Amino acid sequence: MFGGASLNELGLVAFLVALIMIAPKVSRIGEVVGGLFERSGGPDAGAGSDEAGDEASHDQEG
């Protein structure tokens, strides 16, 4: 319809934009949306990207 997008796709985009606009105002929604973008704590999360920081934290522990 509009540039090749259907009404369902336009509705979804409008919903997501509204959700993003409301999220900072409603803390629970903001936490859920923010959680979607957090790195998981799995073994592959940030592998090799923060090696110096890991060594420094090990030095401080013991």
C-alpha atoms as a PDB file:
ATOM      1  CA  MET A   1       0.000   0.000   0.000  1.00  0.00           C
ATOM      2  CA  PHE A   2       2.322   2.710   1.289  1.00  0.00           C
ATOM      3  CA  GLY A   3       5.708   2.080  -0.254  1.00  0.00           C
ATOM      4  CA  GLY A   4       5.101  -1.659  -0.334  1.00  0.00           C
ATOM      5  CA  ALA A   5       4.067  -1.918   3.344  1.00  0.00           C
ATOM      6  CA  SER A   6       0.793  -3.473   4.391  1.00  0.00           C
ATOM      7  CA  LEU A   7      -1.545  -1.994   6.999  1.00  0.00           C
ATOM      8  CA  ASN A   8      -0.404  -4.651   9.484  1.00  0.00           C
ATOM      9  CA  GLU A   9       3.226  -3.625   9.065  1.00  0.00           C
ATOM     10  CA  LEU A  10       2.367   0.061   9.474  1.00  0.00           C
ATOM     11  CA  GLY A  11       0.362  -0.762  12.594  1.00  0.00           C
ATOM     12  CA  LEU A  12       3.272  -2.696  14.062  1.00  0.00           C
ATOM     13  CA  VAL A  13       5.666   0.190  13.421  1.00  0.00           C
ATOM     14  CA  ALA A  14       3.218   2.638  15.009  1.00  0.00           C
ATOM     15  CA  PHE A  15       2.860   0.361  18.056  1.00  0.00           C
ATOM     16  CA  LEU A  16       6.625   0.023  18.478  1.00  0.00           C
ATOM     17  CA  VAL A  17       7.148   3.778  18.166  1.00  0.00           C
ATOM     18  CA  ALA A  18       4.454   4.388  20.785  1.00  0.00           C
ATOM     19  CA  LEU A  19       6.009   1.773  23.075  1.00  0.00           C
ATOM     20  CA  ILE A  20       9.427   3.393  22.767  1.00  0.00           C
ATOM     21  CA  MET A  21       7.941   6.816  23.525  1.00  0.00           C
ATOM     22  CA  ILE A  22       6.104   5.512  26.608  1.00  0.00           C
ATOM     23  CA  ALA A  23       8.863   3.208  27.942  1.00  0.00           C
ATOM     24  CA  PRO A  24      10.912   5.868  29.795  1.00  0.00           C
ATOM     25  CA  LYS A  25       7.790   7.070  31.600  1.00  0.00           C
ATOM     26  CA  VAL A  26       6.593   3.674  32.799  1.00  0.00           C
ATOM     27  CA  SER A  27       9.436   2.001  34.675  1.00  0.00           C
ATOM     28  CA  ARG A  28       8.290  -1.592  34.312  1.00  0.00           C
ATOM     29  CA  ILE A  29       7.920  -1.306  30.522  1.00  0.00           C
ATOM     30  CA  GLY A  30      11.267   0.488  30.376  1.00  0.00           C
ATOM     31  CA  GLU A  31      12.961  -2.341  32.259  1.00  0.00           C
ATOM     32  CA  VAL A  32      11.515  -4.956  29.907  1.00  0.00           C
ATOM     33  CA  VAL A  33      12.510  -3.017  26.789  1.00  0.00           C
ATOM     34  CA  GLY A  34      15.975  -2.330  28.222  1.00  0.00           C
ATOM     35  CA  GLY A  35      16.368  -6.004  29.087  1.00  0.00           C
ATOM     36  CA  LEU A  36      15.938  -6.889  25.440  1.00  0.00           C
ATOM     37  CA  PHE A  37      19.122  -4.988  24.624  1.00  0.00           C
ATOM     38  CA  GLU A  38      21.308  -6.182  27.511  1.00  0.00           C
ATOM     39  CA  ARG A  39      24.062  -8.640  26.863  1.00  0.00           C
ATOM     40  CA  SER A  40      23.354 -12.109  28.083  1.00  0.00           C
ATOM     41  CA  GLY A  41      25.643 -13.471  30.786  1.00  0.00           C
ATOM     42  CA  GLY A  42      26.557 -16.495  28.684  1.00  0.00           C
ATOM     43  CA  PRO A  43      30.104 -17.625  28.035  1.00  0.00           C
ATOM     44  CA  ASP A  44      30.201 -15.987  24.585  1.00  0.00           C
ATOM     45  CA  ALA A  45      29.055 -12.539  25.769  1.00  0.00           C
ATOM     46  CA  GLY A  46      31.895 -10.133  25.035  1.00  0.00           C
ATOM     47  CA  ALA A  47      34.455 -12.900  24.609  1.00  0.00           C
ATOM     48  CA  GLY A  48      37.889 -11.349  24.297  1.00  0.00           C
ATOM     49  CA  SER A  49      36.622  -7.769  24.180  1.00  0.00           C
ATOM     50  CA  ASP A  50      37.348  -6.899  27.809  1.00  0.00           C
ATOM     51  CA  GLU A  51      40.322  -9.066  28.718  1.00  0.00           C
ATOM     52  CA  ALA A  52      42.278  -6.238  30.381  1.00  0.00           C
ATOM     53  CA  GLY A  53      39.290  -5.347  32.544  1.00  0.00           C
ATOM     54  CA  ASP A  54      38.899  -8.971  33.597  1.00  0.00           C
ATOM     55  CA  GLU A  55      42.537  -9.176  34.663  1.00  0.00           C
ATOM     56  CA  ALA A  56      42.230  -5.962  36.665  1.00  0.00           C
ATOM     57  CA  SER A  57      39.145  -7.240  38.489  1.00  0.00           C
ATOM     58  CA  HIS A  58      40.937 -10.496  39.354  1.00  0.00           C
ATOM     59  CA  ASP A  59      43.858  -8.511  40.784  1.00  0.00           C
ATOM     60  CA  GLN A  60      41.522  -6.524  43.021  1.00  0.00           C
ATOM     61  CA  GLU A  61      39.801  -9.640  44.380  1.00  0.00           C
ATOM     62  CA  GLY A  62      42.820 -11.335  45.792  1.00  0.00           C
END
